[in-house]
PDB file of all heavy atoms in Angstrom:
ATOM      1  N   GLY A   1     108.254 103.599 112.943  1.00  0.00           N
ATOM      2  CA  GLY A   1     108.750 103.483 111.594  1.00  0.00           C
ATOM      3  C   GLY A   1     107.993 102.488 110.752  1.00  0.00           C
ATOM      4  O   GLY A   1     108.456 102.188 109.648  1.00  0.00           O
ATOM      5  N   ASP A   2     106.864 101.998 111.211  1.00  0.00           N
ATOM      6  CA  ASP A   2     106.139 100.955 110.511  1.00  0.00           C
ATOM      7  C   ASP A   2     105.154 101.460 109.463  1.00  0.00           C
ATOM      8  O   ASP A   2     104.587 100.678 108.732  1.00  0.00           O
ATOM      9  CB  ASP A   2     105.409 100.033 111.502  1.00  0.00           C
ATOM     10  CG  ASP A   2     104.345 100.753 112.309  1.00  0.00           C
ATOM     11  OD1 ASP A   2     104.297 101.995 112.298  1.00  0.00           O
ATOM     12  OD2 ASP A   2     103.551 100.066 112.974  1.00  0.00           O
ATOM     13  N   SER A   3     104.971 102.788 109.383  1.00  0.00           N
ATOM     14  CA  SER A   3     104.051 103.362 108.410  1.00  0.00           C
ATOM     15  C   SER A   3     104.565 104.732 107.972  1.00  0.00           C
ATOM     16  O   SER A   3     105.077 105.506 108.794  1.00  0.00           O
ATOM     17  CB  SER A   3     102.667 103.475 109.004  1.00  0.00           C
ATOM     18  OG  SER A   3     101.746 103.961 108.043  1.00  0.00           O
ATOM     19  N   THR A   4     104.424 105.016 106.688  1.00  0.00           N
ATOM     20  CA  THR A   4     104.858 106.306 106.123  1.00  0.00           C
ATOM     21  C   THR A   4     103.789 106.875 105.193  1.00  0.00           C
ATOM     22  O   THR A   4     102.956 106.151 104.682  1.00  0.00           O
ATOM     23  CB  THR A   4     106.162 106.154 105.365  1.00  0.00           C
ATOM     24  OG1 THR A   4     105.987 105.195 104.279  1.00  0.00           O
ATOM     25  CG2 THR A   4     107.296 105.666 106.263  1.00  0.00           C
ATOM     26  N   ASN A   5     103.856 108.186 105.016  1.00  0.00           N
ATOM     27  CA  ASN A   5     102.980 108.883 104.077  1.00  0.00           C
ATOM     28  C   ASN A   5     103.789 109.914 103.305  1.00  0.00           C
ATOM     29  O   ASN A   5     104.755 110.484 103.840  1.00  0.00           O
ATOM     30  CB  ASN A   5     101.819 109.571 104.790  1.00  0.00           C
ATOM     31  CG  ASN A   5     100.789 108.607 105.291  1.00  0.00           C
ATOM     32  OD1 ASN A   5     100.105 107.947 104.509  1.00  0.00           O
ATOM     33  ND2 ASN A   5     100.651 108.493 106.612  1.00  0.00           N
ATOM     34  N   TYR A   6     103.394 110.163 102.054  1.00  0.00           N
ATOM     35  CA  TYR A   6     104.109 111.090 101.193  1.00  0.00           C
ATOM     36  C   TYR A   6     103.185 112.003 100.443  1.00  0.00           C
ATOM     37  O   TYR A   6     102.068 111.604 100.080  1.00  0.00           O
ATOM     38  CB  TYR A   6     104.964 110.329 100.170  1.00  0.00           C
ATOM     39  CG  TYR A   6     106.022 109.448 100.792  1.00  0.00           C
ATOM     40  CD1 TYR A   6     105.748 108.113 101.065  1.00  0.00           C
ATOM     41  CD2 TYR A   6     107.301 109.939 101.091  1.00  0.00           C
ATOM     42  CE1 TYR A   6     106.702 107.298 101.638  1.00  0.00           C
ATOM     43  CE2 TYR A   6     108.251 109.128 101.664  1.00  0.00           C
ATOM     44  CZ  TYR A   6     107.951 107.813 101.921  1.00  0.00           C
ATOM     45  OH  TYR A   6     108.916 106.997 102.490  1.00  0.00           O
ATOM     46  N   ALA A   7     103.664 113.210 100.195  1.00  0.00           N
ATOM     47  CA  ALA A   7     102.961 114.091  99.263  1.00  0.00           C
ATOM     48  C   ALA A   7     103.017 113.453  97.859  1.00  0.00           C
ATOM     49  O   ALA A   7     104.006 112.807  97.506  1.00  0.00           O
ATOM     50  CB  ALA A   7     103.592 115.447  99.252  1.00  0.00           C
ATOM     51  N   ASP A   8     101.956 113.650  97.083  1.00  0.00           N
ATOM     52  CA  ASP A   8     101.926 113.090  95.739  1.00  0.00           C
ATOM     53  C   ASP A   8     103.121 113.534  94.892  1.00  0.00           C
ATOM     54  O   ASP A   8     103.596 112.773  94.047  1.00  0.00           O
ATOM     55  CB  ASP A   8     100.618 113.475  95.028  1.00  0.00           C
ATOM     56  CG  ASP A   8      99.408 112.756  95.603  1.00  0.00           C
ATOM     57  OD1 ASP A   8      99.580 111.710  96.261  1.00  0.00           O
ATOM     58  OD2 ASP A   8      98.275 113.227  95.344  1.00  0.00           O
ATOM     59  N   SER A   9     103.590 114.727  95.115  1.00  0.00           N
ATOM     60  CA  SER A   9     104.663 115.278  94.295  1.00  0.00           C
ATOM     61  C   SER A   9     105.994 114.576  94.486  1.00  0.00           C
ATOM     62  O   SER A   9     106.882 114.702  93.657  1.00  0.00           O
ATOM     63  CB  SER A   9     104.840 116.777  94.567  1.00  0.00           C
ATOM     64  OG  SER A   9     105.137 116.990  95.952  1.00  0.00           O
ATOM     65  N   VAL A  10     106.149 113.803  95.597  1.00  0.00           N
ATOM     66  CA  VAL A  10     107.431 113.173  95.876  1.00  0.00           C
ATOM     67  C   VAL A  10     107.330 111.640  95.914  1.00  0.00           C
ATOM     68  O   VAL A  10     108.356 110.986  96.096  1.00  0.00           O
ATOM     69  CB  VAL A  10     108.066 113.709  97.175  1.00  0.00           C
ATOM     70  CG1 VAL A  10     108.166 115.223  97.147  1.00  0.00           C
ATOM     71  CG2 VAL A  10     107.262 113.234  98.404  1.00  0.00           C
ATOM     72  N   LYS A  11     106.147 111.092  95.798  1.00  0.00           N
ATOM     73  CA  LYS A  11     105.983 109.648  95.837  1.00  0.00           C
ATOM     74  C   LYS A  11     106.806 108.962  94.777  1.00  0.00           C
ATOM     75  O   LYS A  11     106.858 109.377  93.620  1.00  0.00           O
ATOM     76  CB  LYS A  11     104.520 109.273  95.658  1.00  0.00           C
ATOM     77  CG  LYS A  11     103.666 109.481  96.890  1.00  0.00           C
ATOM     78  CD  LYS A  11     102.227 109.042  96.645  1.00  0.00           C
ATOM     79  CE  LYS A  11     101.385 109.266  97.893  1.00  0.00           C
ATOM     80  NZ  LYS A  11      99.971 108.897  97.658  1.00  0.00           N
ATOM     81  N   GLY A  12     107.494 107.905  95.182  1.00  0.00           N
ATOM     82  CA  GLY A  12     108.350 107.156  94.255  1.00  0.00           C
ATOM     83  C   GLY A  12     109.753 107.735  94.163  1.00  0.00           C
ATOM     84  O   GLY A  12     110.632 107.075  93.578  1.00  0.00           O
ATOM     85  N   ARG A  13     109.967 108.939  94.689  1.00  0.00           N
ATOM     86  CA  ARG A  13     111.288 109.581  94.600  1.00  0.00           C
ATOM     87  C   ARG A  13     111.936 109.764  95.952  1.00  0.00           C
ATOM     88  O   ARG A  13     113.165 109.669  96.103  1.00  0.00           O
ATOM     89  CB  ARG A  13     111.195 110.943  93.900  1.00  0.00           C
ATOM     90  CG  ARG A  13     110.651 110.857  92.475  1.00  0.00           C
ATOM     91  CD  ARG A  13     110.769 112.208  91.770  1.00  0.00           C
ATOM     92  NE  ARG A  13     109.983 113.248  92.419  1.00  0.00           N
ATOM     93  CZ  ARG A  13     110.507 114.376  92.945  1.00  0.00           C
ATOM     94  NH1 ARG A  13     111.803 114.607  92.883  1.00  0.00           N
ATOM     95  NH2 ARG A  13     109.695 115.270  93.499  1.00  0.00           N
ATOM     96  N   PHE A  14     111.128 110.065  96.951  1.00  0.00           N
ATOM     97  CA  PHE A  14     111.630 110.327  98.304  1.00  0.00           C
ATOM     98  C   PHE A  14     111.274 109.167  99.233  1.00  0.00           C
ATOM     99  O   PHE A  14     110.230 108.522  99.096  1.00  0.00           O
ATOM    100  CB  PHE A  14     110.992 111.600  98.903  1.00  0.00           C
ATOM    101  CG  PHE A  14     111.472 112.896  98.266  1.00  0.00           C
ATOM    102  CD1 PHE A  14     112.188 112.883  97.090  1.00  0.00           C
ATOM    103  CD2 PHE A  14     111.150 114.095  98.889  1.00  0.00           C
ATOM    104  CE1 PHE A  14     112.607 114.096  96.499  1.00  0.00           C
ATOM    105  CE2 PHE A  14     111.561 115.290  98.316  1.00  0.00           C
ATOM    106  CZ  PHE A  14     112.279 115.295  97.132  1.00  0.00           C
ATOM    107  N   THR A  15     112.133 108.936 100.221  1.00  0.00           N
ATOM    108  CA  THR A  15     111.910 107.909 101.240  1.00  0.00           C
ATOM    109  C   THR A  15     112.221 108.468 102.610  1.00  0.00           C
ATOM    110  O   THR A  15     113.341 108.923 102.856  1.00  0.00           O
ATOM    111  CB  THR A  15     112.729 106.659 100.991  1.00  0.00           C
ATOM    112  OG1 THR A  15     112.451 106.129  99.689  1.00  0.00           O
ATOM    113  CG2 THR A  15     112.392 105.589 102.034  1.00  0.00           C
ATOM    114  N   ILE A  16     111.239 108.457 103.497  1.00  0.00           N
ATOM    115  CA  ILE A  16     111.464 108.886 104.880  1.00  0.00           C
ATOM    116  C   ILE A  16     111.782 107.642 105.705  1.00  0.00           C
ATOM    117  O   ILE A  16     111.164 106.597 105.535  1.00  0.00           O
ATOM    118  CB  ILE A  16     110.247 109.654 105.443  1.00  0.00           C
ATOM    119  CG1 ILE A  16     110.554 110.240 106.822  1.00  0.00           C
ATOM    120  CG2 ILE A  16     108.994 108.785 105.475  1.00  0.00           C
ATOM    121  CD1 ILE A  16     109.461 111.194 107.335  1.00  0.00           C
ATOM    122  N   SER A  17     112.717 107.777 106.612  1.00  0.00           N
ATOM    123  CA  SER A  17     113.082 106.651 107.489  1.00  0.00           C
ATOM    124  C   SER A  17     113.625 107.218 108.778  1.00  0.00           C
ATOM    125  O   SER A  17     113.845 108.398 108.927  1.00  0.00           O
ATOM    126  CB  SER A  17     114.138 105.723 106.812  1.00  0.00           C
ATOM    127  OG  SER A  17     115.334 106.439 106.556  1.00  0.00           O
ATOM    128  N   ARG A  18     113.797 106.324 109.739  1.00  0.00           N
ATOM    129  CA  ARG A  18     114.338 106.747 111.039  1.00  0.00           C
ATOM    130  C   ARG A  18     115.175 105.653 111.649  1.00  0.00           C
ATOM    131  O   ARG A  18     115.010 104.458 111.363  1.00  0.00           O
ATOM    132  CB  ARG A  18     113.182 107.148 111.956  1.00  0.00           C
ATOM    133  CG  ARG A  18     112.273 106.000 112.360  1.00  0.00           C
ATOM    134  CD  ARG A  18     110.992 106.524 113.023  1.00  0.00           C
ATOM    135  NE  ARG A  18     111.288 107.301 114.206  1.00  0.00           N
ATOM    136  CZ  ARG A  18     110.471 108.224 114.736  1.00  0.00           C
ATOM    137  NH1 ARG A  18     109.304 108.470 114.140  1.00  0.00           N
ATOM    138  NH2 ARG A  18     110.811 108.889 115.846  1.00  0.00           N
ATOM    139  N   ASP A  19     116.077 106.076 112.505  1.00  0.00           N
ATOM    140  CA  ASP A  19     116.883 105.149 113.302  1.00  0.00           C
ATOM    141  C   ASP A  19     116.772 105.651 114.735  1.00  0.00           C
ATOM    142  O   ASP A  19     117.513 106.568 115.139  1.00  0.00           O
ATOM    143  CB  ASP A  19     118.317 105.113 112.829  1.00  0.00           C
ATOM    144  CG  ASP A  19     119.128 104.039 113.539  1.00  0.00           C
ATOM    145  OD1 ASP A  19     118.763 103.600 114.618  1.00  0.00           O
ATOM    146  OD2 ASP A  19     120.147 103.613 112.948  1.00  0.00           O
ATOM    147  N   ASN A  20     115.818 105.104 115.476  1.00  0.00           N
ATOM    148  CA  ASN A  20     115.600 105.575 116.817  1.00  0.00           C
ATOM    149  C   ASN A  20     116.810 105.351 117.748  1.00  0.00           C
ATOM    150  O   ASN A  20     117.038 106.108 118.674  1.00  0.00           O
ATOM    151  CB  ASN A  20     114.357 104.909 117.438  1.00  0.00           C
ATOM    152  CG  ASN A  20     113.076 105.476 116.859  1.00  0.00           C
ATOM    153  OD1 ASN A  20     113.043 106.588 116.304  1.00  0.00           O
ATOM    154  ND2 ASN A  20     111.992 104.717 116.979  1.00  0.00           N
ATOM    155  N   ALA A  21     117.587 104.308 117.473  1.00  0.00           N
ATOM    156  CA  ALA A  21     118.775 104.062 118.287  1.00  0.00           C
ATOM    157  C   ALA A  21     119.791 105.194 118.122  1.00  0.00           C
ATOM    158  O   ALA A  21     120.584 105.469 119.006  1.00  0.00           O
ATOM    159  CB  ALA A  21     119.422 102.714 117.894  1.00  0.00           C
ATOM    160  N   LYS A  22     119.812 105.816 116.923  1.00  0.00           N
ATOM    161  CA  LYS A  22     120.686 106.934 116.662  1.00  0.00           C
ATOM    162  C   LYS A  22     120.012 108.296 116.874  1.00  0.00           C
ATOM    163  O   LYS A  22     120.625 109.332 116.682  1.00  0.00           O
ATOM    164  CB  LYS A  22     121.224 106.866 115.223  1.00  0.00           C
ATOM    165  CG  LYS A  22     122.184 105.751 114.973  1.00  0.00           C
ATOM    166  CD  LYS A  22     122.678 105.773 113.518  1.00  0.00           C
ATOM    167  CE  LYS A  22     123.862 104.878 113.315  1.00  0.00           C
ATOM    168  NZ  LYS A  22     123.615 103.477 113.648  1.00  0.00           N
ATOM    169  N   ASN A  23     118.743 108.246 117.250  1.00  0.00           N
ATOM    170  CA  ASN A  23     117.961 109.481 117.498  1.00  0.00           C
ATOM    171  C   ASN A  23     117.956 110.392 116.273  1.00  0.00           C
ATOM    172  O   ASN A  23     118.096 111.614 116.425  1.00  0.00           O
ATOM    173  CB  ASN A  23     118.553 110.213 118.724  1.00  0.00           C
ATOM    174  CG  ASN A  23     117.470 110.751 119.644  1.00  0.00           C
ATOM    175  OD1 ASN A  23     116.347 110.239 119.689  1.00  0.00           O
ATOM    176  ND2 ASN A  23     117.827 111.766 120.421  1.00  0.00           N
ATOM    177  N   THR A  24     117.764 109.782 115.109  1.00  0.00           N
ATOM    178  CA  THR A  24     117.909 110.510 113.880  1.00  0.00           C
ATOM    179  C   THR A  24     116.792 110.144 112.873  1.00  0.00           C
ATOM    180  O   THR A  24     116.402 108.997 112.773  1.00  0.00           O
ATOM    181  CB  THR A  24     119.285 110.231 113.219  1.00  0.00           C
ATOM    182  OG1 THR A  24     120.320 110.595 114.139  1.00  0.00           O
ATOM    183  CG2 THR A  24     119.463 111.051 111.951  1.00  0.00           C
ATOM    184  N   LEU A  25     116.342 111.146 112.164  1.00  0.00           N
ATOM    185  CA  LEU A  25     115.362 111.001 111.083  1.00  0.00           C
ATOM    186  C   LEU A  25     116.045 111.301 109.750  1.00  0.00           C
ATOM    187  O   LEU A  25     116.937 112.156 109.704  1.00  0.00           O
ATOM    188  CB  LEU A  25     114.220 112.002 111.285  1.00  0.00           C
ATOM    189  CG  LEU A  25     113.133 112.078 110.234  1.00  0.00           C
ATOM    190  CD1 LEU A  25     112.215 110.867 110.335  1.00  0.00           C
ATOM    191  CD2 LEU A  25     112.339 113.374 110.381  1.00  0.00           C
ATOM    192  N   TYR A  26     115.646 110.612 108.690  1.00  0.00           N
ATOM    193  CA  TYR A  26     116.271 110.770 107.392  1.00  0.00           C
ATOM    194  C   TYR A  26     115.254 111.030 106.305  1.00  0.00           C
ATOM    195  O   TYR A  26     114.086 110.650 106.405  1.00  0.00           O
ATOM    196  CB  TYR A  26     117.065 109.512 106.997  1.00  0.00           C
ATOM    197  CG  TYR A  26     118.117 109.099 107.971  1.00  0.00           C
ATOM    198  CD1 TYR A  26     117.859 108.092 108.903  1.00  0.00           C
ATOM    199  CD2 TYR A  26     119.368 109.693 107.975  1.00  0.00           C
ATOM    200  CE1 TYR A  26     118.828 107.710 109.822  1.00  0.00           C
ATOM    201  CE2 TYR A  26     120.366 109.313 108.873  1.00  0.00           C
ATOM    202  CZ  TYR A  26     120.076 108.315 109.808  1.00  0.00           C
ATOM    203  OH  TYR A  26     121.027 107.936 110.702  1.00  0.00           O
ATOM    204  N   LEU A  27     115.705 111.671 105.224  1.00  0.00           N
ATOM    205  CA  LEU A  27     114.918 111.802 104.027  1.00  0.00           C
ATOM    206  C   LEU A  27     115.853 111.545 102.829  1.00  0.00           C
ATOM    207  O   LEU A  27     116.711 112.372 102.555  1.00  0.00           O
ATOM    208  CB  LEU A  27     114.271 113.191 103.907  1.00  0.00           C
ATOM    209  CG  LEU A  27     113.349 113.391 102.709  1.00  0.00           C
ATOM    210  CD1 LEU A  27     112.115 112.498 102.847  1.00  0.00           C
ATOM    211  CD2 LEU A  27     112.965 114.850 102.552  1.00  0.00           C
ATOM    212  N   GLN A  28     115.648 110.408 102.182  1.00  0.00           N
ATOM    213  CA  GLN A  28     116.407 110.104 100.967  1.00  0.00           C
ATOM    214  C   GLN A  28     115.663 110.689  99.797  1.00  0.00           C
ATOM    215  O   GLN A  28     114.490 110.401  99.578  1.00  0.00           O
ATOM    216  CB  GLN A  28     116.542 108.599 100.801  1.00  0.00           C
ATOM    217  CG  GLN A  28     117.279 108.171  99.534  1.00  0.00           C
ATOM    218  CD  GLN A  28     118.738 108.596  99.516  1.00  0.00           C
ATOM    219  OE1 GLN A  28     119.447 108.379 100.510  1.00  0.00           O
ATOM    220  NE2 GLN A  28     119.193 109.181  98.435  1.00  0.00           N
ATOM    221  N   MET A  29     116.343 111.517  99.010  1.00  0.00           N
ATOM    222  CA  MET A  29     115.735 112.231  97.906  1.00  0.00           C
ATOM    223  C   MET A  29     116.426 111.839  96.610  1.00  0.00           C
ATOM    224  O   MET A  29     117.622 112.110  96.428  1.00  0.00           O
ATOM    225  CB  MET A  29     115.861 113.761  98.126  1.00  0.00           C
ATOM    226  CG  MET A  29     115.383 114.199  99.500  1.00  0.00           C
ATOM    227  SD  MET A  29     115.927 115.877  99.927  1.00  0.00           S
ATOM    228  CE  MET A  29     115.045 116.845  98.719  1.00  0.00           C
ATOM    229  N   ASN A  30     115.701 111.188  95.724  1.00  0.00           N
ATOM    230  CA  ASN A  30     116.231 110.756  94.438  1.00  0.00           C
ATOM    231  C   ASN A  30     115.506 111.456  93.292  1.00  0.00           C
ATOM    232  O   ASN A  30     114.419 111.988  93.473  1.00  0.00           O
ATOM    233  CB  ASN A  30     116.085 109.255  94.261  1.00  0.00           C
ATOM    234  CG  ASN A  30     116.856 108.455  95.312  1.00  0.00           C
ATOM    235  OD1 ASN A  30     117.919 108.863  95.760  1.00  0.00           O
ATOM    236  ND2 ASN A  30     116.301 107.314  95.717  1.00  0.00           N
TER     237      ASN A  30
END
């Protein structure tokens, strides 16, 4: 989770994150 990349169309609006302890990936979309 120390590095992320985004398509230009979603930069500044979307955030990818993860919680490995919960075995889950997230995408926050604003």
